[in-house]
Amino acid sequence: MKFSESLKKRSCFQNVYRNGKSYANRFYVMYVLENNLARNRLGISVSKKVGNSVIRHHITRLVREAYRLQEEMFNSGLDIVIIARMPAKNVSYKETEKAILHLGNLHHILKNDTEC
């Protein structure tokens, strides 16, 4: 993630939950809040209800990689928190990538490709 950094502190996550806007699809919930920085900050949350530690880390890696490879498509200056839902434990990389881009489109935080 060359354009982004990670959200790590609980207070940062809580701020995004309280003040951000959320959209969801079948696999993930995405909260977005402007952070007035030049970079995006990404937080990923996977509950113990979803699965054991192996499954939770697998989902986290899938989400982080899907975001990293599509990072240039997202606008800058955002705090983004992605929460995995139960069906995410059976999802492939391509479905994860598609779900994250779908949520970005719902939030209107994807850059327009019509500039070319």
PDB file of N, CA and C in Angstrom:
ATOM      1  N   MET A   1       0.844  -1.178   0.000  1.00  0.00           N
ATOM      2  CA  MET A   1       0.000   0.000   0.000  1.00  0.00           C
ATOM      3  C   MET A   1       0.888   1.239   0.000  1.00  0.00           C
ATOM      4  N   LYS A   2       1.305   1.667  -1.174  1.00  0.00           N
ATOM      5  CA  LYS A   2       2.233   2.790  -1.225  1.00  0.00           C
ATOM      6  C   LYS A   2       1.542   4.135  -1.011  1.00  0.00           C
ATOM      7  N   PHE A   3       0.240   4.230  -1.236  1.00  0.00           N
ATOM      8  CA  PHE A   3      -0.460   5.501  -1.050  1.00  0.00           C
ATOM      9  C   PHE A   3      -1.231   5.546   0.271  1.00  0.00           C
ATOM     10  N   SER A   4      -1.214   4.458   1.023  1.00  0.00           N
ATOM     11  CA  SER A   4      -2.046   4.358   2.208  1.00  0.00           C
ATOM     12  C   SER A   4      -1.240   3.857   3.392  1.00  0.00           C
ATOM     13  N   GLU A   5      -1.837   4.015   4.559  1.00  0.00           N
ATOM     14  CA  GLU A   5      -1.280   3.432   5.767  1.00  0.00           C
ATOM     15  C   GLU A   5      -2.418   2.723   6.499  1.00  0.00           C
ATOM     16  N   SER A   6      -2.098   2.057   7.592  1.00  0.00           N
ATOM     17  CA  SER A   6      -3.097   1.284   8.321  1.00  0.00           C
ATOM     18  C   SER A   6      -3.674   2.065   9.485  1.00  0.00           C
ATOM     19  N   LEU A   7      -4.950   1.827   9.747  1.00  0.00           N
ATOM     20  CA  LEU A   7      -5.567   2.292  10.986  1.00  0.00           C
ATOM     21  C   LEU A   7      -5.276   1.227  12.032  1.00  0.00           C
ATOM     22  N   LYS A   8      -4.757   1.635  13.179  1.00  0.00           N
ATOM     23  CA  LYS A   8      -4.391   0.655  14.177  1.00  0.00           C
ATOM     24  C   LYS A   8      -5.082   0.876  15.515  1.00  0.00           C
ATOM     25  N   LYS A   9      -5.313   2.115  15.882  1.00  0.00           N
ATOM     26  CA  LYS A   9      -5.846   2.410  17.212  1.00  0.00           C
ATOM     27  C   LYS A   9      -7.363   2.269  17.251  1.00  0.00           C
ATOM     28  N   ARG A  10      -7.832   1.752  18.379  1.00  0.00           N
ATOM     29  CA  ARG A  10      -9.264   1.575  18.580  1.00  0.00           C
ATOM     30  C   ARG A  10     -10.005   2.901  18.457  1.00  0.00           C
ATOM     31  N   SER A  11      -9.419   3.982  18.954  1.00  0.00           N
ATOM     32  CA  SER A  11     -10.072   5.288  18.901  1.00  0.00           C
ATOM     33  C   SER A  11     -10.272   5.755  17.459  1.00  0.00           C
ATOM     34  N   CYS A  12      -9.332   5.424  16.586  1.00  0.00           N
ATOM     35  CA  CYS A  12      -9.480   5.783  15.170  1.00  0.00           C
ATOM     36  C   CYS A  12     -10.623   5.004  14.525  1.00  0.00           C
ATOM     37  N   PHE A  13     -10.707   3.712  14.837  1.00  0.00           N
ATOM     38  CA  PHE A  13     -11.808   2.900  14.327  1.00  0.00           C
ATOM     39  C   PHE A  13     -13.141   3.451  14.831  1.00  0.00           C
ATOM     40  N   GLN A  14     -13.219   3.762  16.127  1.00  0.00           N
ATOM     41  CA  GLN A  14     -14.460   4.273  16.714  1.00  0.00           C
ATOM     42  C   GLN A  14     -14.881   5.586  16.078  1.00  0.00           C
ATOM     43  N   ASN A  15     -13.916   6.444  15.772  1.00  0.00           N
ATOM     44  CA  ASN A  15     -14.212   7.718  15.125  1.00  0.00           C
ATOM     45  C   ASN A  15     -14.849   7.492  13.756  1.00  0.00           C
ATOM     46  N   VAL A  16     -14.317   6.542  12.996  1.00  0.00           N
ATOM     47  CA  VAL A  16     -14.870   6.247  11.673  1.00  0.00           C
ATOM     48  C   VAL A  16     -16.272   5.646  11.810  1.00  0.00           C
ATOM     49  N   TYR A  17     -16.457   4.748  12.796  1.00  0.00           N
ATOM     50  CA  TYR A  17     -17.775   4.153  13.001  1.00  0.00           C
ATOM     51  C   TYR A  17     -18.815   5.215  13.356  1.00  0.00           C
ATOM     52  N   ARG A  18     -18.461   6.133  14.238  1.00  0.00           N
ATOM     53  CA  ARG A  18     -19.416   7.134  14.715  1.00  0.00           C
ATOM     54  C   ARG A  18     -19.734   8.205  13.674  1.00  0.00           C
ATOM     55  N   ASN A  19     -18.708   8.674  12.984  1.00  0.00           N
ATOM     56  CA  ASN A  19     -18.867   9.837  12.108  1.00  0.00           C
ATOM     57  C   ASN A  19     -18.881   9.507  10.626  1.00  0.00           C
ATOM     58  N   GLY A  20     -18.504   8.285  10.261  1.00  0.00           N
ATOM     59  CA  GLY A  20     -18.431   7.920   8.853  1.00  0.00           C
ATOM     60  C   GLY A  20     -19.756   7.437   8.311  1.00  0.00           C
ATOM     61  N   LYS A  21     -19.759   7.231   7.015  1.00  0.00           N
ATOM     62  CA  LYS A  21     -20.940   6.721   6.329  1.00  0.00           C
ATOM     63  C   LYS A  21     -20.656   5.280   5.936  1.00  0.00           C
ATOM     64  N   SER A  22     -21.679   4.422   6.009  1.00  0.00           N
ATOM     65  CA  SER A  22     -21.448   3.008   5.716  1.00  0.00           C
ATOM     66  C   SER A  22     -22.367   2.504   4.609  1.00  0.00           C
ATOM     67  N   TYR A  23     -21.804   1.594   3.844  1.00  0.00           N
ATOM     68  CA  TYR A  23     -22.563   0.819   2.868  1.00  0.00           C
ATOM     69  C   TYR A  23     -22.121  -0.628   3.014  1.00  0.00           C
ATOM     70  N   ALA A  24     -22.989  -1.546   2.644  1.00  0.00           N
ATOM     71  CA  ALA A  24     -22.673  -2.960   2.797  1.00  0.00           C
ATOM     72  C   ALA A  24     -23.099  -3.738   1.562  1.00  0.00           C
ATOM     73  N   ASN A  25     -22.431  -4.852   1.366  1.00  0.00           N
ATOM     74  CA  ASN A  25     -22.896  -5.839   0.398  1.00  0.00           C
ATOM     75  C   ASN A  25     -22.879  -7.194   1.105  1.00  0.00           C
ATOM     76  N   ARG A  26     -22.963  -8.248   0.369  1.00  0.00           N
ATOM     77  CA  ARG A  26     -23.107  -9.581   0.969  1.00  0.00           C
ATOM     78  C   ARG A  26     -21.898  -9.971   1.815  1.00  0.00           C
ATOM     79  N   PHE A  27     -20.695  -9.551   1.416  1.00  0.00           N
ATOM     80  CA  PHE A  27     -19.475 -10.010   2.062  1.00  0.00           C
ATOM     81  C   PHE A  27     -18.861  -9.017   3.048  1.00  0.00           C
ATOM     82  N   TYR A  28     -19.000  -7.717   2.787  1.00  0.00           N
ATOM     83  CA  TYR A  28     -18.283  -6.716   3.578  1.00  0.00           C
ATOM     84  C   TYR A  28     -19.160  -5.506   3.878  1.00  0.00           C
ATOM     85  N   VAL A  29     -18.782  -4.776   4.928  1.00  0.00           N
ATOM     86  CA  VAL A  29     -19.345  -3.474   5.247  1.00  0.00           C
ATOM     87  C   VAL A  29     -18.187  -2.490   5.165  1.00  0.00           C
ATOM     88  N   MET A  30     -18.393  -1.355   4.514  1.00  0.00           N
ATOM     89  CA  MET A  30     -17.339  -0.351   4.382  1.00  0.00           C
ATOM     90  C   MET A  30     -17.805   0.963   4.990  1.00  0.00           C
ATOM     91  N   TYR A  31     -17.013   1.462   5.937  1.00  0.00           N
ATOM     92  CA  TYR A  31     -17.227   2.793   6.516  1.00  0.00           C
ATOM     93  C   TYR A  31     -16.189   3.726   5.921  1.00  0.00           C
ATOM     94  N   VAL A  32     -16.602   4.936   5.571  1.00  0.00           N
ATOM     95  CA  VAL A  32     -15.686   5.922   4.994  1.00  0.00           C
ATOM     96  C   VAL A  32     -15.875   7.260   5.690  1.00  0.00           C
ATOM     97  N   LEU A  33     -14.746   7.911   6.004  1.00  0.00           N
ATOM     98  CA  LEU A  33     -14.742   9.225   6.639  1.00  0.00           C
ATOM     99  C   LEU A  33     -13.560  10.002   6.093  1.00  0.00           C
ATOM    100  N   GLU A  34     -13.781  11.269   5.753  1.00  0.00           N
ATOM    101  CA  GLU A  34     -12.666  12.108   5.290  1.00  0.00           C
ATOM    102  C   GLU A  34     -11.723  12.377   6.450  1.00  0.00           C
ATOM    103  N   ASN A  35     -10.391  12.346   6.161  1.00  0.00           N
ATOM    104  CA  ASN A  35      -9.417  12.528   7.232  1.00  0.00           C
ATOM    105  C   ASN A  35      -8.539  13.771   7.073  1.00  0.00           C
ATOM    106  N   ASN A  36      -8.735  14.547   6.019  1.00  0.00           N
ATOM    107  CA  ASN A  36      -7.971  15.777   5.771  1.00  0.00           C
ATOM    108  C   ASN A  36      -6.471  15.543   5.689  1.00  0.00           C
ATOM    109  N   LEU A  37      -6.075  14.375   5.247  1.00  0.00           N
ATOM    110  CA  LEU A  37      -4.671  14.052   4.998  1.00  0.00           C
ATOM    111  C   LEU A  37      -4.507  13.786   3.508  1.00  0.00           C
ATOM    112  N   ALA A  38      -3.277  13.682   3.071  1.00  0.00           N
ATOM    113  CA  ALA A  38      -3.015  13.403   1.659  1.00  0.00           C
ATOM    114  C   ALA A  38      -3.111  11.911   1.350  1.00  0.00           C
ATOM    115  N   ARG A  39      -3.193  11.085   2.388  1.00  0.00           N
ATOM    116  CA  ARG A  39      -3.195   9.638   2.206  1.00  0.00           C
ATOM    117  C   ARG A  39      -4.494   9.034   2.727  1.00  0.00           C
ATOM    118  N   ASN A  40      -4.764   7.844   2.259  1.00  0.00           N
ATOM    119  CA  ASN A  40      -5.861   7.056   2.822  1.00  0.00           C
ATOM    120  C   ASN A  40      -5.319   6.237   3.984  1.00  0.00           C
ATOM    121  N   ARG A  41      -6.195   5.933   4.922  1.00  0.00           N
ATOM    122  CA  ARG A  41      -5.851   5.021   6.005  1.00  0.00           C
ATOM    123  C   ARG A  41      -6.877   3.899   5.976  1.00  0.00           C
ATOM    124  N   LEU A  42      -6.387   2.663   5.943  1.00  0.00           N
ATOM    125  CA  LEU A  42      -7.249   1.492   5.807  1.00  0.00           C
ATOM    126  C   LEU A  42      -7.242   0.678   7.090  1.00  0.00           C
ATOM    127  N   GLY A  43      -8.428   0.340   7.574  1.00  0.00           N
ATOM    128  CA  GLY A  43      -8.571  -0.546   8.719  1.00  0.00           C
ATOM    129  C   GLY A  43      -9.425  -1.735   8.318  1.00  0.00           C
ATOM    130  N   ILE A  44      -9.035  -2.917   8.781  1.00  0.00           N
ATOM    131  CA  ILE A  44      -9.767  -4.131   8.450  1.00  0.00           C
ATOM    132  C   ILE A  44     -10.154  -4.812   9.754  1.00  0.00           C
ATOM    133  N   SER A  45     -11.422  -5.179   9.861  1.00  0.00           N
ATOM    134  CA  SER A  45     -11.923  -5.818  11.069  1.00  0.00           C
ATOM    135  C   SER A  45     -12.615  -7.129  10.697  1.00  0.00           C
ATOM    136  N   VAL A  46     -12.165  -8.216  11.347  1.00  0.00           N
ATOM    137  CA  VAL A  46     -12.775  -9.519  11.130  1.00  0.00           C
ATOM    138  C   VAL A  46     -13.064 -10.120  12.507  1.00  0.00           C
ATOM    139  N   SER A  47     -14.314 -10.308  12.828  1.00  0.00           N
ATOM    140  CA  SER A  47     -14.743 -10.789  14.131  1.00  0.00           C
ATOM    141  C   SER A  47     -14.441 -12.276  14.318  1.00  0.00           C
ATOM    142  N   LYS A  48     -14.344 -12.691  15.571  1.00  0.00           N
ATOM    143  CA  LYS A  48     -14.172 -14.113  15.879  1.00  0.00           C
ATOM    144  C   LYS A  48     -15.370 -14.932  15.438  1.00  0.00           C
ATOM    145  N   LYS A  49     -16.504 -14.289  15.264  1.00  0.00           N
ATOM    146  CA  LYS A  49     -17.706 -14.990  14.805  1.00  0.00           C
ATOM    147  C   LYS A  49     -17.531 -15.531  13.385  1.00  0.00           C
ATOM    148  N   VAL A  50     -16.648 -14.897  12.608  1.00  0.00           N
ATOM    149  CA  VAL A  50     -16.439 -15.303  11.218  1.00  0.00           C
ATOM    150  C   VAL A  50     -15.683 -16.622  11.150  1.00  0.00           C
ATOM    151  N   GLY A  51     -14.716 -16.827  12.048  1.00  0.00           N
ATOM    152  CA  GLY A  51     -13.958 -18.071  12.018  1.00  0.00           C
ATOM    153  C   GLY A  51     -12.759 -18.009  12.933  1.00  0.00           C
ATOM    154  N   ASN A  52     -11.949 -19.054  12.875  1.00  0.00           N
ATOM    155  CA  ASN A  52     -10.756 -19.096  13.717  1.00  0.00           C
ATOM    156  C   ASN A  52      -9.674 -18.163  13.164  1.00  0.00           C
ATOM    157  N   SER A  53      -8.529 -18.117  13.829  1.00  0.00           N
ATOM    158  CA  SER A  53      -7.510 -17.139  13.470  1.00  0.00           C
ATOM    159  C   SER A  53      -6.975 -17.335  12.054  1.00  0.00           C
ATOM    160  N   VAL A  54      -6.890 -18.574  11.602  1.00  0.00           N
ATOM    161  CA  VAL A  54      -6.404 -18.836  10.248  1.00  0.00           C
ATOM    162  C   VAL A  54      -7.346 -18.214   9.223  1.00  0.00           C
ATOM    163  N   ILE A  55      -8.628 -18.408   9.408  1.00  0.00           N
ATOM    164  CA  ILE A  55      -9.630 -17.856   8.492  1.00  0.00           C
ATOM    165  C   ILE A  55      -9.634 -16.334   8.567  1.00  0.00           C
ATOM    166  N   ARG A  56      -9.571 -15.783   9.780  1.00  0.00           N
ATOM    167  CA  ARG A  56      -9.585 -14.316   9.940  1.00  0.00           C
ATOM    168  C   ARG A  56      -8.383 -13.674   9.275  1.00  0.00           C
ATOM    169  N   HIS A  57      -7.200 -14.261   9.433  1.00  0.00           N
ATOM    170  CA  HIS A  57      -6.005 -13.701   8.805  1.00  0.00           C
ATOM    171  C   HIS A  57      -6.055 -13.854   7.290  1.00  0.00           C
ATOM    172  N   HIS A  58      -6.624 -14.956   6.814  1.00  0.00           N
ATOM    173  CA  HIS A  58      -6.769 -15.152   5.372  1.00  0.00           C
ATOM    174  C   HIS A  58      -7.663 -14.061   4.769  1.00  0.00           C
ATOM    175  N   ILE A  59      -8.778 -13.783   5.416  1.00  0.00           N
ATOM    176  CA  ILE A  59      -9.686 -12.731   4.944  1.00  0.00           C
ATOM    177  C   ILE A  59      -8.984 -11.376   4.971  1.00  0.00           C
ATOM    178  N   THR A  60      -8.251 -11.103   6.043  1.00  0.00           N
ATOM    179  CA  THR A  60      -7.531  -9.832   6.162  1.00  0.00           C
ATOM    180  C   THR A  60      -6.522  -9.677   5.027  1.00  0.00           C
ATOM    181  N   ARG A  61      -5.788 -10.732   4.719  1.00  0.00           N
ATOM    182  CA  ARG A  61      -4.808 -10.664   3.628  1.00  0.00           C
ATOM    183  C   ARG A  61      -5.490 -10.462   2.283  1.00  0.00           C
ATOM    184  N   LEU A  62      -6.628 -11.135   2.063  1.00  0.00           N
ATOM    185  CA  LEU A  62      -7.363 -10.960   0.806  1.00  0.00           C
ATOM    186  C   LEU A  62      -7.820  -9.515   0.632  1.00  0.00           C
ATOM    187  N   VAL A  63      -8.385  -8.942   1.688  1.00  0.00           N
ATOM    188  CA  VAL A  63      -8.891  -7.572   1.616  1.00  0.00           C
ATOM    189  C   VAL A  63      -7.743  -6.591   1.403  1.00  0.00           C
ATOM    190  N   ARG A  64      -6.655  -6.758   2.152  1.00  0.00           N
ATOM    191  CA  ARG A  64      -5.520  -5.846   2.025  1.00  0.00           C
ATOM    192  C   ARG A  64      -4.920  -5.890   0.616  1.00  0.00           C
ATOM    193  N   GLU A  65      -4.801  -7.095   0.064  1.00  0.00           N
ATOM    194  CA  GLU A  65      -4.233  -7.236  -1.277  1.00  0.00           C
ATOM    195  C   GLU A  65      -5.176  -6.683  -2.336  1.00  0.00           C
ATOM    196  N   ALA A  66      -6.468  -6.938  -2.195  1.00  0.00           N
ATOM    197  CA  ALA A  66      -7.434  -6.410  -3.164  1.00  0.00           C
ATOM    198  C   ALA A  66      -7.404  -4.883  -3.158  1.00  0.00           C
ATOM    199  N   TYR A  67      -7.319  -4.285  -1.964  1.00  0.00           N
ATOM    200  CA  TYR A  67      -7.244  -2.830  -1.876  1.00  0.00           C
ATOM    201  C   TYR A  67      -5.918  -2.331  -2.454  1.00  0.00           C
ATOM    202  N   ARG A  68      -4.822  -2.996  -2.118  1.00  0.00           N
ATOM    203  CA  ARG A  68      -3.497  -2.549  -2.556  1.00  0.00           C
ATOM    204  C   ARG A  68      -3.391  -2.507  -4.081  1.00  0.00           C
ATOM    205  N   LEU A  69      -3.923  -3.527  -4.738  1.00  0.00           N
ATOM    206  CA  LEU A  69      -3.815  -3.583  -6.197  1.00  0.00           C
ATOM    207  C   LEU A  69      -4.755  -2.602  -6.897  1.00  0.00           C
ATOM    208  N   GLN A  70      -5.810  -2.162  -6.230  1.00  0.00           N
ATOM    209  CA  GLN A  70      -6.758  -1.219  -6.815  1.00  0.00           C
ATOM    210  C   GLN A  70      -6.643   0.171  -6.181  1.00  0.00           C
ATOM    211  N   GLU A  71      -5.590   0.383  -5.417  1.00  0.00           N
ATOM    212  CA  GLU A  71      -5.445   1.594  -4.612  1.00  0.00           C
ATOM    213  C   GLU A  71      -5.486   2.880  -5.428  1.00  0.00           C
ATOM    214  N   GLU A  72      -4.915   2.869  -6.604  1.00  0.00           N
ATOM    215  CA  GLU A  72      -4.880   4.094  -7.413  1.00  0.00           C
ATOM    216  C   GLU A  72      -6.265   4.496  -7.909  1.00  0.00           C
ATOM    217  N   MET A  73      -7.247   3.600  -7.809  1.00  0.00           N
ATOM    218  CA  MET A  73      -8.608   3.923  -8.232  1.00  0.00           C
ATOM    219  C   MET A  73      -9.381   4.707  -7.176  1.00  0.00           C
ATOM    220  N   PHE A  74      -8.894   4.689  -5.916  1.00  0.00           N
ATOM    221  CA  PHE A  74      -9.592   5.355  -4.816  1.00  0.00           C
ATOM    222  C   PHE A  74      -9.119   6.790  -4.665  1.00  0.00           C
ATOM    223  N   ASN A  75     -10.046   7.683  -4.288  1.00  0.00           N
ATOM    224  CA  ASN A  75      -9.694   9.064  -3.977  1.00  0.00           C
ATOM    225  C   ASN A  75      -8.813   9.095  -2.738  1.00  0.00           C
ATOM    226  N   SER A  76      -8.071  10.187  -2.553  1.00  0.00           N
ATOM    227  CA  SER A  76      -7.181  10.325  -1.398  1.00  0.00           C
ATOM    228  C   SER A  76      -7.876  11.085  -0.280  1.00  0.00           C
ATOM    229  N   GLY A  77      -7.299  10.988   0.920  1.00  0.00           N
ATOM    230  CA  GLY A  77      -7.800  11.740   2.061  1.00  0.00           C
ATOM    231  C   GLY A  77      -8.961  11.083   2.771  1.00  0.00           C
ATOM    232  N   LEU A  78      -8.949   9.752   2.849  1.00  0.00           N
ATOM    233  CA  LEU A  78     -10.074   9.023   3.446  1.00  0.00           C
ATOM    234  C   LEU A  78      -9.593   8.042   4.498  1.00  0.00           C
ATOM    235  N   ASP A  79     -10.404   7.870   5.538  1.00  0.00           N
ATOM    236  CA  ASP A  79     -10.257   6.749   6.453  1.00  0.00           C
ATOM    237  C   ASP A  79     -11.278   5.710   6.020  1.00  0.00           C
ATOM    238  N   ILE A  80     -10.814   4.505   5.737  1.00  0.00           N
ATOM    239  CA  ILE A  80     -11.683   3.437   5.251  1.00  0.00           C
ATOM    240  C   ILE A  80     -11.575   2.259   6.209  1.00  0.00           C
ATOM    241  N   VAL A  81     -12.710   1.804   6.721  1.00  0.00           N
ATOM    242  CA  VAL A  81     -12.744   0.607   7.560  1.00  0.00           C
ATOM    243  C   VAL A  81     -13.609  -0.426   6.855  1.00  0.00           C
ATOM    244  N   ILE A  82     -13.049  -1.618   6.670  1.00  0.00           N
ATOM    245  CA  ILE A  82     -13.769  -2.708   6.019  1.00  0.00           C
ATOM    246  C   ILE A  82     -13.993  -3.804   7.051  1.00  0.00           C
ATOM    247  N   ILE A  83     -15.257  -4.186   7.223  1.00  0.00           N
ATOM    248  CA  ILE A  83     -15.634  -5.215   8.179  1.00  0.00           C
ATOM    249  C   ILE A  83     -16.125  -6.429   7.403  1.00  0.00           C
ATOM    250  N   ALA A  84     -15.560  -7.593   7.722  1.00  0.00           N
ATOM    251  CA  ALA A  84     -15.946  -8.824   7.042  1.00  0.00           C
ATOM    252  C   ALA A  84     -17.211  -9.402   7.672  1.00  0.00           C
ATOM    253  N   ARG A  85     -18.104  -9.889   6.824  1.00  0.00           N
ATOM    254  CA  ARG A  85     -19.300 -10.587   7.280  1.00  0.00           C
ATOM    255  C   ARG A  85     -19.067 -12.097   7.176  1.00  0.00           C
ATOM    256  N   MET A  86     -19.985 -12.860   7.740  1.00  0.00           N
ATOM    257  CA  MET A  86     -19.840 -14.324   7.776  1.00  0.00           C
ATOM    258  C   MET A  86     -19.581 -14.969   6.408  1.00  0.00           C
ATOM    259  N   PRO A  87     -20.312 -14.602   5.342  1.00  0.00           N
ATOM    260  CA  PRO A  87     -20.069 -15.261   4.048  1.00  0.00           C
ATOM    261  C   PRO A  87     -18.681 -15.001   3.464  1.00  0.00           C
ATOM    262  N   ALA A  88     -17.927 -14.039   4.016  1.00  0.00           N
ATOM    263  CA  ALA A  88     -16.603 -13.707   3.482  1.00  0.00           C
ATOM    264  C   ALA A  88     -15.600 -14.836   3.681  1.00  0.00           C
ATOM    265  N   LYS A  89     -15.888 -15.780   4.575  1.00  0.00           N
ATOM    266  CA  LYS A  89     -14.909 -16.843   4.811  1.00  0.00           C
ATOM    267  C   LYS A  89     -14.814 -17.823   3.649  1.00  0.00           C
ATOM    268  N   ASN A  90     -15.796 -17.825   2.774  1.00  0.00           N
ATOM    269  CA  ASN A  90     -15.787 -18.738   1.628  1.00  0.00           C
ATOM    270  C   ASN A  90     -15.558 -18.017   0.303  1.00  0.00           C
ATOM    271  N   VAL A  91     -15.048 -16.808   0.354  1.00  0.00           N
ATOM    272  CA  VAL A  91     -14.959 -15.974  -0.842  1.00  0.00           C
ATOM    273  C   VAL A  91     -13.566 -16.079  -1.467  1.00  0.00           C
ATOM    274  N   SER A  92     -13.510 -15.960  -2.800  1.00  0.00           N
ATOM    275  CA  SER A  92     -12.236 -15.990  -3.511  1.00  0.00           C
ATOM    276  C   SER A  92     -11.667 -14.574  -3.617  1.00  0.00           C
ATOM    277  N   TYR A  93     -10.436 -14.491  -4.121  1.00  0.00           N
ATOM    278  CA  TYR A  93      -9.804 -13.176  -4.281  1.00  0.00           C
ATOM    279  C   TYR A  93     -10.589 -12.309  -5.257  1.00  0.00           C
ATOM    280  N   LYS A  94     -10.987 -12.868  -6.382  1.00  0.00           N
ATOM    281  CA  LYS A  94     -11.707 -12.086  -7.402  1.00  0.00           C
ATOM    282  C   LYS A  94     -13.026 -11.550  -6.857  1.00  0.00           C
ATOM    283  N   GLU A  95     -13.732 -12.363  -6.081  1.00  0.00           N
ATOM    284  CA  GLU A  95     -14.989 -11.902  -5.488  1.00  0.00           C
ATOM    285  C   GLU A  95     -14.729 -10.807  -4.452  1.00  0.00           C
ATOM    286  N   THR A  96     -13.629 -10.929  -3.704  1.00  0.00           N
ATOM    287  CA  THR A  96     -13.256  -9.896  -2.730  1.00  0.00           C
ATOM    288  C   THR A  96     -12.966  -8.582  -3.436  1.00  0.00           C
ATOM    289  N   GLU A  97     -12.183  -8.646  -4.495  1.00  0.00           N
ATOM    290  CA  GLU A  97     -11.841  -7.449  -5.260  1.00  0.00           C
ATOM    291  C   GLU A  97     -13.103  -6.785  -5.824  1.00  0.00           C
ATOM    292  N   LYS A  98     -13.977  -7.595  -6.379  1.00  0.00           N
ATOM    293  CA  LYS A  98     -15.222  -7.086  -6.953  1.00  0.00           C
ATOM    294  C   LYS A  98     -16.104  -6.446  -5.870  1.00  0.00           C
ATOM    295  N   ALA A  99     -16.176  -7.076  -4.696  1.00  0.00           N
ATOM    296  CA  ALA A  99     -16.997  -6.556  -3.595  1.00  0.00           C
ATOM    297  C   ALA A  99     -16.453  -5.218  -3.080  1.00  0.00           C
ATOM    298  N   ILE A 100     -15.132  -5.090  -2.976  1.00  0.00           N
ATOM    299  CA  ILE A 100     -14.538  -3.840  -2.480  1.00  0.00           C
ATOM    300  C   ILE A 100     -14.727  -2.716  -3.495  1.00  0.00           C
ATOM    301  N   LEU A 101     -14.570  -3.010  -4.768  1.00  0.00           N
ATOM    302  CA  LEU A 101     -14.812  -1.989  -5.789  1.00  0.00           C
ATOM    303  C   LEU A 101     -16.293  -1.602  -5.829  1.00  0.00           C
ATOM    304  N   HIS A 102     -17.180  -2.562  -5.612  1.00  0.00           N
ATOM    305  CA  HIS A 102     -18.610  -2.271  -5.557  1.00  0.00           C
ATOM    306  C   HIS A 102     -18.914  -1.307  -4.414  1.00  0.00           C
ATOM    307  N   LEU A 103     -18.342  -1.554  -3.237  1.00  0.00           N
ATOM    308  CA  LEU A 103     -18.567  -0.660  -2.099  1.00  0.00           C
ATOM    309  C   LEU A 103     -17.953   0.712  -2.333  1.00  0.00           C
ATOM    310  N   GLY A 104     -16.777   0.752  -2.949  1.00  0.00           N
ATOM    311  CA  GLY A 104     -16.171   2.043  -3.294  1.00  0.00           C
ATOM    312  C   GLY A 104     -17.041   2.828  -4.251  1.00  0.00           C
ATOM    313  N   ASN A 105     -17.670   2.134  -5.184  1.00  0.00           N
ATOM    314  CA  ASN A 105     -18.575   2.781  -6.133  1.00  0.00           C
ATOM    315  C   ASN A 105     -19.816   3.310  -5.421  1.00  0.00           C
ATOM    316  N   LEU A 106     -20.353   2.555  -4.464  1.00  0.00           N
ATOM    317  CA  LEU A 106     -21.514   3.023  -3.700  1.00  0.00           C
ATOM    318  C   LEU A 106     -21.198   4.283  -2.903  1.00  0.00           C
ATOM    319  N   HIS A 107     -19.977   4.356  -2.369  1.00  0.00           N
ATOM    320  CA  HIS A 107     -19.546   5.523  -1.592  1.00  0.00           C
ATOM    321  C   HIS A 107     -19.133   6.698  -2.487  1.00  0.00           C
ATOM    322  N   HIS A 108     -19.017   6.459  -3.789  1.00  0.00           N
ATOM    323  CA  HIS A 108     -18.543   7.473  -4.744  1.00  0.00           C
ATOM    324  C   HIS A 108     -17.140   7.945  -4.386  1.00  0.00           C
ATOM    325  N   ILE A 109     -16.262   7.006  -4.035  1.00  0.00           N
ATOM    326  CA  ILE A 109     -14.883   7.355  -3.698  1.00  0.00           C
ATOM    327  C   ILE A 109     -13.894   6.825  -4.736  1.00  0.00           C
ATOM    328  N   LEU A 110     -14.402   6.307  -5.851  1.00  0.00           N
ATOM    329  CA  LEU A 110     -13.536   5.860  -6.931  1.00  0.00           C
ATOM    330  C   LEU A 110     -13.331   7.005  -7.910  1.00  0.00           C
ATOM    331  N   LYS A 111     -12.098   7.104  -8.411  1.00  0.00           N
ATOM    332  CA  LYS A 111     -11.794   8.162  -9.384  1.00  0.00           C
ATOM    333  C   LYS A 111     -12.491   7.840 -10.694  1.00  0.00           C
ATOM    334  N   ASN A 112     -12.869   8.876 -11.424  1.00  0.00           N
ATOM    335  CA  ASN A 112     -13.521   8.675 -12.721  1.00  0.00           C
ATOM    336  C   ASN A 112     -12.481   8.305 -13.762  1.00  0.00           C
ATOM    337  N   ASP A 113     -12.769   7.276 -14.549  1.00  0.00           N
ATOM    338  CA  ASP A 113     -11.872   6.870 -15.630  1.00  0.00           C
ATOM    339  C   ASP A 113     -12.232   7.582 -16.933  1.00  0.00           C
ATOM    340  N   THR A 114     -13.189   8.497 -16.897  1.00  0.00           N
ATOM    341  CA  THR A 114     -13.618   9.182 -18.114  1.00  0.00           C
ATOM    342  C   THR A 114     -12.710  10.349 -18.473  1.00  0.00           C
ATOM    343  N   GLU A 115     -11.657  10.604 -17.677  1.00  0.00           N
ATOM    344  CA  GLU A 115     -10.763  11.728 -17.936  1.00  0.00           C
ATOM    345  C   GLU A 115      -9.869  11.490 -19.131  1.00  0.00           C
ATOM    346  N   CYS A 116      -9.649  10.246 -19.555  1.00  0.00           N
ATOM    347  CA  CYS A 116      -8.730   9.924 -20.645  1.00  0.00           C
ATOM    348  C   CYS A 116      -9.274  10.317 -21.990  1.00  0.00           C
TER     349      CYS A 116
END
